[in-house]
Full PDB file with SEQRES, HELIX, SHEET, SSBOND, CRYST1, ORIGX, SCALE, CONECT and MASTER records, all heavy atoms in Angstrom:
SEQRES   1 A   32  PRO LEU PRO ASP ASP LEU ARG ALA GLN LEU LEU ALA LEU          
SEQRES   2 A   32  CYS THR SER GLY PRO ASP GLU ILE THR ARG SER ALA LEU          
SEQRES   3 A   32  ALA GLU ASN ALA TRP VAL                                      
HELIX    1 AA1 ASP A    4  ALA A   12  1                                   9    
HELIX    2 AA2 GLU A   20  TRP A   31  1                                  12    
CRYST1    1.000    1.000    1.000  90.00  90.00  90.00 P 1           1          
ORIGX1      1.000000  0.000000  0.000000        0.00000                         
ORIGX2      0.000000  1.000000  0.000000        0.00000                         
ORIGX3      0.000000  0.000000  1.000000        0.00000                         
SCALE1      1.000000  0.000000  0.000000        0.00000                         
SCALE2      0.000000  1.000000  0.000000        0.00000                         
SCALE3      0.000000  0.000000  1.000000        0.00000                         
ATOM      1  N   PRO A   1      11.165   7.196  -8.491  1.00  0.00           N  
ATOM      2  CA  PRO A   1       9.817   6.835  -8.940  1.00  0.00           C  
ATOM      3  C   PRO A   1       9.260   5.668  -8.143  1.00  0.00           C  
ATOM      4  O   PRO A   1      10.006   4.809  -7.676  1.00  0.00           O  
ATOM      5  CB  PRO A   1      10.027   6.463 -10.414  1.00  0.00           C  
ATOM      6  CG  PRO A   1      11.468   6.081 -10.518  1.00  0.00           C  
ATOM      7  CD  PRO A   1      12.202   6.898  -9.500  1.00  0.00           C  
ATOM      8  N   LEU A   2       7.943   5.652  -7.959  1.00  0.00           N  
ATOM      9  CA  LEU A   2       7.303   4.537  -7.277  1.00  0.00           C  
ATOM     10  C   LEU A   2       7.104   3.389  -8.267  1.00  0.00           C  
ATOM     11  O   LEU A   2       6.565   3.599  -9.349  1.00  0.00           O  
ATOM     12  CB  LEU A   2       5.938   4.949  -6.713  1.00  0.00           C  
ATOM     13  CG  LEU A   2       5.919   5.900  -5.527  1.00  0.00           C  
ATOM     14  CD1 LEU A   2       4.479   6.198  -5.126  1.00  0.00           C  
ATOM     15  CD2 LEU A   2       6.684   5.336  -4.345  1.00  0.00           C  
ATOM     16  N   PRO A   3       7.516   2.181  -7.913  1.00  0.00           N  
ATOM     17  CA  PRO A   3       7.231   1.029  -8.780  1.00  0.00           C  
ATOM     18  C   PRO A   3       5.725   0.851  -8.934  1.00  0.00           C  
ATOM     19  O   PRO A   3       4.942   1.213  -8.036  1.00  0.00           O  
ATOM     20  CB  PRO A   3       7.848  -0.150  -8.015  1.00  0.00           C  
ATOM     21  CG  PRO A   3       8.803   0.466  -7.040  1.00  0.00           C  
ATOM     22  CD  PRO A   3       8.260   1.813  -6.697  1.00  0.00           C  
ATOM     23  N   ASP A   4       5.316   0.290 -10.055  1.00  0.00           N  
ATOM     24  CA  ASP A   4       3.890   0.149 -10.342  1.00  0.00           C  
ATOM     25  C   ASP A   4       3.156  -0.628  -9.257  1.00  0.00           C  
ATOM     26  O   ASP A   4       2.028  -0.274  -8.880  1.00  0.00           O  
ATOM     27  CB  ASP A   4       3.685  -0.542 -11.699  1.00  0.00           C  
ATOM     28  CG  ASP A   4       4.095   0.345 -12.867  1.00  0.00           C  
ATOM     29  OD1 ASP A   4       4.239   1.563 -12.665  1.00  0.00           O  
ATOM     30  OD2 ASP A   4       4.272  -0.200 -13.978  1.00  0.00           O  
ATOM     31  N   ASP A   5       3.795  -1.676  -8.741  1.00  0.00           N  
ATOM     32  CA  ASP A   5       3.094  -2.492  -7.746  1.00  0.00           C  
ATOM     33  C   ASP A   5       2.893  -1.727  -6.438  1.00  0.00           C  
ATOM     34  O   ASP A   5       1.831  -1.806  -5.811  1.00  0.00           O  
ATOM     35  CB  ASP A   5       3.823  -3.811  -7.502  1.00  0.00           C  
ATOM     36  CG  ASP A   5       5.249  -3.631  -7.010  1.00  0.00           C  
ATOM     37  OD1 ASP A   5       5.814  -2.527  -7.174  1.00  0.00           O  
ATOM     38  OD2 ASP A   5       5.809  -4.599  -6.461  1.00  0.00           O  
ATOM     39  N   LEU A   6       3.897  -0.959  -6.012  1.00  0.00           N  
ATOM     40  CA  LEU A   6       3.752  -0.177  -4.781  1.00  0.00           C  
ATOM     41  C   LEU A   6       2.740   0.942  -4.986  1.00  0.00           C  
ATOM     42  O   LEU A   6       1.920   1.223  -4.092  1.00  0.00           O  
ATOM     43  CB  LEU A   6       5.100   0.393  -4.349  1.00  0.00           C  
ATOM     44  CG  LEU A   6       5.087   1.241  -3.071  1.00  0.00           C  
ATOM     45  CD1 LEU A   6       4.483   0.494  -1.898  1.00  0.00           C  
ATOM     46  CD2 LEU A   6       6.493   1.730  -2.741  1.00  0.00           C  
ATOM     47  N   ARG A   7       2.780   1.567  -6.136  1.00  0.00           N  
ATOM     48  CA  ARG A   7       1.800   2.611  -6.418  1.00  0.00           C  
ATOM     49  C   ARG A   7       0.381   2.049  -6.340  1.00  0.00           C  
ATOM     50  O   ARG A   7      -0.512   2.670  -5.764  1.00  0.00           O  
ATOM     51  CB  ARG A   7       2.053   3.201  -7.806  1.00  0.00           C  
ATOM     52  CG  ARG A   7       1.114   4.333  -8.159  1.00  0.00           C  
ATOM     53  CD  ARG A   7       1.392   4.883  -9.555  1.00  0.00           C  
ATOM     54  NE  ARG A   7       0.515   6.012  -9.812  1.00  0.00           N  
ATOM     55  CZ  ARG A   7      -0.750   5.920 -10.199  1.00  0.00           C  
ATOM     56  NH1 ARG A   7      -1.289   4.716 -10.377  1.00  0.00           N  
ATOM     57  NH2 ARG A   7      -1.477   6.993 -10.398  1.00  0.00           N  
ATOM     58  N   ALA A   8       0.174   0.864  -6.894  1.00  0.00           N  
ATOM     59  CA  ALA A   8      -1.145   0.238  -6.850  1.00  0.00           C  
ATOM     60  C   ALA A   8      -1.554  -0.087  -5.417  1.00  0.00           C  
ATOM     61  O   ALA A   8      -2.720   0.094  -5.030  1.00  0.00           O  
ATOM     62  CB  ALA A   8      -1.152  -1.024  -7.712  1.00  0.00           C  
ATOM     63  N   GLN A   9      -0.600  -0.535  -4.614  1.00  0.00           N  
ATOM     64  CA  GLN A   9      -0.899  -0.838  -3.213  1.00  0.00           C  
ATOM     65  C   GLN A   9      -1.309   0.419  -2.454  1.00  0.00           C  
ATOM     66  O   GLN A   9      -2.272   0.406  -1.674  1.00  0.00           O  
ATOM     67  CB  GLN A   9       0.327  -1.469  -2.548  1.00  0.00           C  
ATOM     68  CG  GLN A   9       0.687  -2.857  -3.043  1.00  0.00           C  
ATOM     69  CD  GLN A   9       2.052  -3.286  -2.540  1.00  0.00           C  
ATOM     70  OE1 GLN A   9       2.451  -2.971  -1.429  1.00  0.00           O  
ATOM     71  NE2 GLN A   9       2.804  -3.986  -3.369  1.00  0.00           N  
ATOM     72  N   LEU A  10      -0.583   1.500  -2.674  1.00  0.00           N  
ATOM     73  CA  LEU A  10      -0.881   2.749  -1.973  1.00  0.00           C  
ATOM     74  C   LEU A  10      -2.225   3.324  -2.422  1.00  0.00           C  
ATOM     75  O   LEU A  10      -3.004   3.824  -1.609  1.00  0.00           O  
ATOM     76  CB  LEU A  10       0.243   3.759  -2.207  1.00  0.00           C  
ATOM     77  CG  LEU A  10       1.592   3.392  -1.569  1.00  0.00           C  
ATOM     78  CD1 LEU A  10       2.691   4.316  -2.078  1.00  0.00           C  
ATOM     79  CD2 LEU A  10       1.511   3.442  -0.042  1.00  0.00           C  
ATOM     80  N   LEU A  11      -2.487   3.239  -3.706  1.00  0.00           N  
ATOM     81  CA  LEU A  11      -3.759   3.736  -4.215  1.00  0.00           C  
ATOM     82  C   LEU A  11      -4.920   2.937  -3.634  1.00  0.00           C  
ATOM     83  O   LEU A  11      -5.948   3.507  -3.248  1.00  0.00           O  
ATOM     84  CB  LEU A  11      -3.773   3.664  -5.742  1.00  0.00           C  
ATOM     85  CG  LEU A  11      -5.001   4.240  -6.444  1.00  0.00           C  
ATOM     86  CD1 LEU A  11      -5.183   5.711  -6.099  1.00  0.00           C  
ATOM     87  CD2 LEU A  11      -4.885   4.058  -7.957  1.00  0.00           C  
ATOM     88  N   ALA A  12      -4.746   1.625  -3.530  1.00  0.00           N  
ATOM     89  CA  ALA A  12      -5.803   0.773  -2.971  1.00  0.00           C  
ATOM     90  C   ALA A  12      -6.074   1.110  -1.505  1.00  0.00           C  
ATOM     91  O   ALA A  12      -7.206   0.998  -1.032  1.00  0.00           O  
ATOM     92  CB  ALA A  12      -5.423  -0.697  -3.116  1.00  0.00           C  
ATOM     93  N   LEU A  13      -5.041   1.553  -0.779  1.00  0.00           N  
ATOM     94  CA  LEU A  13      -5.208   1.892   0.634  1.00  0.00           C  
ATOM     95  C   LEU A  13      -5.972   3.200   0.844  1.00  0.00           C  
ATOM     96  O   LEU A  13      -6.348   3.518   1.976  1.00  0.00           O  
ATOM     97  CB  LEU A  13      -3.843   1.983   1.313  1.00  0.00           C  
ATOM     98  CG  LEU A  13      -3.143   0.640   1.566  1.00  0.00           C  
ATOM     99  CD1 LEU A  13      -1.684   0.866   1.931  1.00  0.00           C  
ATOM    100  CD2 LEU A  13      -3.860  -0.143   2.669  1.00  0.00           C  
ATOM    101  N   CYS A  14      -6.199   3.940  -0.235  1.00  0.00           N  
ATOM    102  CA  CYS A  14      -6.955   5.188  -0.121  1.00  0.00           C  
ATOM    103  C   CYS A  14      -8.454   4.947   0.034  1.00  0.00           C  
ATOM    104  O   CYS A  14      -9.215   5.888   0.291  1.00  0.00           O  
ATOM    105  CB  CYS A  14      -6.695   6.076  -1.337  1.00  0.00           C  
ATOM    106  SG  CYS A  14      -4.999   6.707  -1.424  1.00  0.00           S  
ATOM    107  N   THR A  15      -8.885   3.699  -0.145  1.00  0.00           N  
ATOM    108  CA  THR A  15     -10.277   3.326   0.091  1.00  0.00           C  
ATOM    109  C   THR A  15     -10.306   2.080   0.970  1.00  0.00           C  
ATOM    110  O   THR A  15      -9.327   1.331   1.053  1.00  0.00           O  
ATOM    111  CB  THR A  15     -11.011   3.040  -1.232  1.00  0.00           C  
ATOM    112  OG1 THR A  15     -10.285   2.057  -1.980  1.00  0.00           O  
ATOM    113  CG2 THR A  15     -11.137   4.294  -2.072  1.00  0.00           C  
ATOM    114  N   SER A  16     -11.431   1.842   1.606  1.00  0.00           N  
ATOM    115  CA  SER A  16     -11.548   0.708   2.525  1.00  0.00           C  
ATOM    116  C   SER A  16     -11.400  -0.618   1.780  1.00  0.00           C  
ATOM    117  O   SER A  16     -11.811  -0.759   0.628  1.00  0.00           O  
ATOM    118  CB  SER A  16     -12.902   0.745   3.239  1.00  0.00           C  
ATOM    119  OG  SER A  16     -13.006   1.886   4.045  1.00  0.00           O  
ATOM    120  N   GLY A  17     -10.791  -1.595   2.462  1.00  0.00           N  
ATOM    121  CA  GLY A  17     -10.605  -2.910   1.868  1.00  0.00           C  
ATOM    122  C   GLY A  17     -10.205  -3.912   2.935  1.00  0.00           C  
ATOM    123  O   GLY A  17     -10.018  -3.555   4.100  1.00  0.00           O  
ATOM    124  N   PRO A  18     -10.048  -5.161   2.559  1.00  0.00           N  
ATOM    125  CA  PRO A  18      -9.711  -6.207   3.528  1.00  0.00           C  
ATOM    126  C   PRO A  18      -8.271  -6.102   4.026  1.00  0.00           C  
ATOM    127  O   PRO A  18      -7.387  -5.647   3.298  1.00  0.00           O  
ATOM    128  CB  PRO A  18      -9.930  -7.499   2.736  1.00  0.00           C  
ATOM    129  CG  PRO A  18      -9.718  -7.100   1.299  1.00  0.00           C  
ATOM    130  CD  PRO A  18     -10.230  -5.699   1.189  1.00  0.00           C  
ATOM    131  N   ASP A  19      -8.057  -6.515   5.266  1.00  0.00           N  
ATOM    132  CA  ASP A  19      -6.714  -6.653   5.842  1.00  0.00           C  
ATOM    133  C   ASP A  19      -5.888  -5.370   5.696  1.00  0.00           C  
ATOM    134  O   ASP A  19      -4.703  -5.409   5.394  1.00  0.00           O  
ATOM    135  CB  ASP A  19      -5.989  -7.838   5.190  1.00  0.00           C  
ATOM    136  CG  ASP A  19      -4.823  -8.338   6.037  1.00  0.00           C  
ATOM    137  OD1 ASP A  19      -4.818  -8.082   7.252  1.00  0.00           O  
ATOM    138  OD2 ASP A  19      -3.924  -8.983   5.476  1.00  0.00           O  
ATOM    139  N   GLU A  20      -6.528  -4.230   5.965  1.00  0.00           N  
ATOM    140  CA  GLU A  20      -5.860  -2.948   5.726  1.00  0.00           C  
ATOM    141  C   GLU A  20      -4.646  -2.726   6.615  1.00  0.00           C  
ATOM    142  O   GLU A  20      -3.668  -2.113   6.184  1.00  0.00           O  
ATOM    143  CB  GLU A  20      -6.850  -1.805   5.936  1.00  0.00           C  
ATOM    144  CG  GLU A  20      -7.881  -1.682   4.838  1.00  0.00           C  
ATOM    145  CD  GLU A  20      -8.839  -0.542   5.112  1.00  0.00           C  
ATOM    146  OE1 GLU A  20      -9.697  -0.680   5.998  1.00  0.00           O  
ATOM    147  OE2 GLU A  20      -8.717   0.499   4.441  1.00  0.00           O  
ATOM    148  N   ILE A  21      -4.686  -3.203   7.843  1.00  0.00           N  
ATOM    149  CA  ILE A  21      -3.579  -2.949   8.763  1.00  0.00           C  
ATOM    150  C   ILE A  21      -2.300  -3.608   8.256  1.00  0.00           C  
ATOM    151  O   ILE A  21      -1.234  -2.977   8.191  1.00  0.00           O  
ATOM    152  CB  ILE A  21      -3.928  -3.437  10.186  1.00  0.00           C  
ATOM    153  CG1 ILE A  21      -5.064  -2.596  10.765  1.00  0.00           C  
ATOM    154  CG2 ILE A  21      -2.697  -3.370  11.090  1.00  0.00           C  
ATOM    155  CD1 ILE A  21      -5.548  -3.063  12.120  1.00  0.00           C  
ATOM    156  N   THR A  22      -2.393  -4.864   7.866  1.00  0.00           N  
ATOM    157  CA  THR A  22      -1.208  -5.563   7.352  1.00  0.00           C  
ATOM    158  C   THR A  22      -0.747  -4.947   6.048  1.00  0.00           C  
ATOM    159  O   THR A  22       0.463  -4.700   5.843  1.00  0.00           O  
ATOM    160  CB  THR A  22      -1.517  -7.055   7.158  1.00  0.00           C  
ATOM    161  OG1 THR A  22      -1.851  -7.629   8.420  1.00  0.00           O  
ATOM    162  CG2 THR A  22      -0.307  -7.783   6.579  1.00  0.00           C  
ATOM    163  N   ARG A  23      -1.678  -4.700   5.139  1.00  0.00           N  
ATOM    164  CA  ARG A  23      -1.304  -4.128   3.837  1.00  0.00           C  
ATOM    165  C   ARG A  23      -0.668  -2.759   4.009  1.00  0.00           C  
ATOM    166  O   ARG A  23       0.309  -2.416   3.329  1.00  0.00           O  
ATOM    167  CB  ARG A  23      -2.529  -4.038   2.923  1.00  0.00           C  
ATOM    168  CG  ARG A  23      -3.035  -5.395   2.451  1.00  0.00           C  
ATOM    169  CD  ARG A  23      -4.068  -5.275   1.342  1.00  0.00           C  
ATOM    170  NE  ARG A  23      -5.288  -4.622   1.782  1.00  0.00           N  
ATOM    171  CZ  ARG A  23      -5.747  -3.469   1.312  1.00  0.00           C  
ATOM    172  NH1 ARG A  23      -5.058  -2.813   0.389  1.00  0.00           N  
ATOM    173  NH2 ARG A  23      -6.872  -2.954   1.763  1.00  0.00           N  
ATOM    174  N   SER A  24      -1.192  -1.964   4.936  1.00  0.00           N  
ATOM    175  CA  SER A  24      -0.636  -0.640   5.181  1.00  0.00           C  
ATOM    176  C   SER A  24       0.783  -0.727   5.738  1.00  0.00           C  
ATOM    177  O   SER A  24       1.686   0.007   5.303  1.00  0.00           O  
ATOM    178  CB  SER A  24      -1.540   0.123   6.152  1.00  0.00           C  
ATOM    179  OG  SER A  24      -0.973   1.352   6.512  1.00  0.00           O  
ATOM    180  N   ALA A  25       0.998  -1.629   6.682  1.00  0.00           N  
ATOM    181  CA  ALA A  25       2.325  -1.775   7.284  1.00  0.00           C  
ATOM    182  C   ALA A  25       3.366  -2.218   6.266  1.00  0.00           C  
ATOM    183  O   ALA A  25       4.497  -1.713   6.242  1.00  0.00           O  
ATOM    184  CB  ALA A  25       2.263  -2.769   8.443  1.00  0.00           C  
ATOM    185  N   LEU A  26       2.996  -3.161   5.420  1.00  0.00           N  
ATOM    186  CA  LEU A  26       3.930  -3.643   4.402  1.00  0.00           C  
ATOM    187  C   LEU A  26       4.214  -2.564   3.358  1.00  0.00           C  
ATOM    188  O   LEU A  26       5.368  -2.387   2.931  1.00  0.00           O  
ATOM    189  CB  LEU A  26       3.368  -4.901   3.735  1.00  0.00           C  
ATOM    190  CG  LEU A  26       3.253  -6.143   4.630  1.00  0.00           C  
ATOM    191  CD1 LEU A  26       2.557  -7.278   3.888  1.00  0.00           C  
ATOM    192  CD2 LEU A  26       4.627  -6.587   5.120  1.00  0.00           C  
ATOM    193  N   ALA A  27       3.180  -1.825   2.956  1.00  0.00           N  
ATOM    194  CA  ALA A  27       3.367  -0.782   1.952  1.00  0.00           C  
ATOM    195  C   ALA A  27       4.233   0.348   2.490  1.00  0.00           C  
ATOM    196  O   ALA A  27       5.107   0.871   1.788  1.00  0.00           O  
ATOM    197  CB  ALA A  27       2.006  -0.237   1.503  1.00  0.00           C  
ATOM    198  N   GLU A  28       4.014   0.733   3.756  1.00  0.00           N  
ATOM    199  CA  GLU A  28       4.820   1.836   4.279  1.00  0.00           C  
ATOM    200  C   GLU A  28       6.279   1.430   4.449  1.00  0.00           C  
ATOM    201  O   GLU A  28       7.179   2.239   4.223  1.00  0.00           O  
ATOM    202  CB  GLU A  28       4.234   2.402   5.565  1.00  0.00           C  
ATOM    203  CG  GLU A  28       4.447   1.635   6.820  1.00  0.00           C  
ATOM    204  CD  GLU A  28       4.070   2.458   8.063  1.00  0.00           C  
ATOM    205  OE1 GLU A  28       4.054   3.707   7.993  1.00  0.00           O  
ATOM    206  OE2 GLU A  28       3.773   1.837   9.090  1.00  0.00           O  
ATOM    207  N   ASN A  29       6.549   0.182   4.807  1.00  0.00           N  
ATOM    208  CA  ASN A  29       7.938  -0.249   4.917  1.00  0.00           C  
ATOM    209  C   ASN A  29       8.617  -0.280   3.553  1.00  0.00           C  
ATOM    210  O   ASN A  29       9.802   0.047   3.421  1.00  0.00           O  
ATOM    211  CB  ASN A  29       8.020  -1.612   5.598  1.00  0.00           C  
ATOM    212  CG  ASN A  29       7.763  -1.513   7.096  1.00  0.00           C  
ATOM    213  OD1 ASN A  29       7.695  -0.427   7.651  1.00  0.00           O  
ATOM    214  ND2 ASN A  29       7.611  -2.665   7.747  1.00  0.00           N  
ATOM    215  N   ALA A  30       7.860  -0.669   2.517  1.00  0.00           N  
ATOM    216  CA  ALA A  30       8.408  -0.636   1.157  1.00  0.00           C  
ATOM    217  C   ALA A  30       8.677   0.811   0.732  1.00  0.00           C  
ATOM    218  O   ALA A  30       9.707   1.110   0.109  1.00  0.00           O  
ATOM    219  CB  ALA A  30       7.434  -1.311   0.189  1.00  0.00           C  
ATOM    220  N   TRP A  31       7.756   1.710   1.085  1.00  0.00           N  
ATOM    221  CA  TRP A  31       7.932   3.136   0.771  1.00  0.00           C  
ATOM    222  C   TRP A  31       9.166   3.690   1.470  1.00  0.00           C  
ATOM    223  O   TRP A  31       9.978   4.403   0.868  1.00  0.00           O  
ATOM    224  CB  TRP A  31       6.685   3.900   1.201  1.00  0.00           C  
ATOM    225  CG  TRP A  31       6.664   5.353   0.864  1.00  0.00           C  
ATOM    226  CD1 TRP A  31       6.110   5.939  -0.228  1.00  0.00           C  
ATOM    227  CD2 TRP A  31       7.229   6.423   1.646  1.00  0.00           C  
ATOM    228  NE1 TRP A  31       6.285   7.292  -0.191  1.00  0.00           N  
ATOM    229  CE2 TRP A  31       6.966   7.621   0.951  1.00  0.00           C  
ATOM    230  CE3 TRP A  31       7.912   6.492   2.856  1.00  0.00           C  
ATOM    231  CZ2 TRP A  31       7.376   8.861   1.423  1.00  0.00           C  
ATOM    232  CZ3 TRP A  31       8.332   7.721   3.327  1.00  0.00           C  
ATOM    233  CH2 TRP A  31       8.059   8.895   2.623  1.00  0.00           C  
ATOM    234  N   VAL A  32       9.337   3.356   2.745  1.00  0.00           N  
ATOM    235  CA  VAL A  32      10.484   3.849   3.516  1.00  0.00           C  
ATOM    236  C   VAL A  32      11.793   3.315   2.946  1.00  0.00           C  
ATOM    237  O   VAL A  32      12.793   4.036   2.864  1.00  0.00           O  
ATOM    238  CB  VAL A  32      10.348   3.461   5.000  1.00  0.00           C  
ATOM    239  CG1 VAL A  32      11.639   3.737   5.756  1.00  0.00           C  
ATOM    240  CG2 VAL A  32       9.208   4.231   5.647  1.00  0.00           C  
TER     241      VAL A  32                                                      
MASTER        0    0    0    2    0    0    0    6  240    1    0    3          
END                                                                             
């Protein structure tokens, strides 16, 4: 299962927002 915080991060990345490159890199490493 995805932890609530990671799920929220991934959901937020589905729409435009600030500092997306860093947030995306950190979220994908947590997912991996």
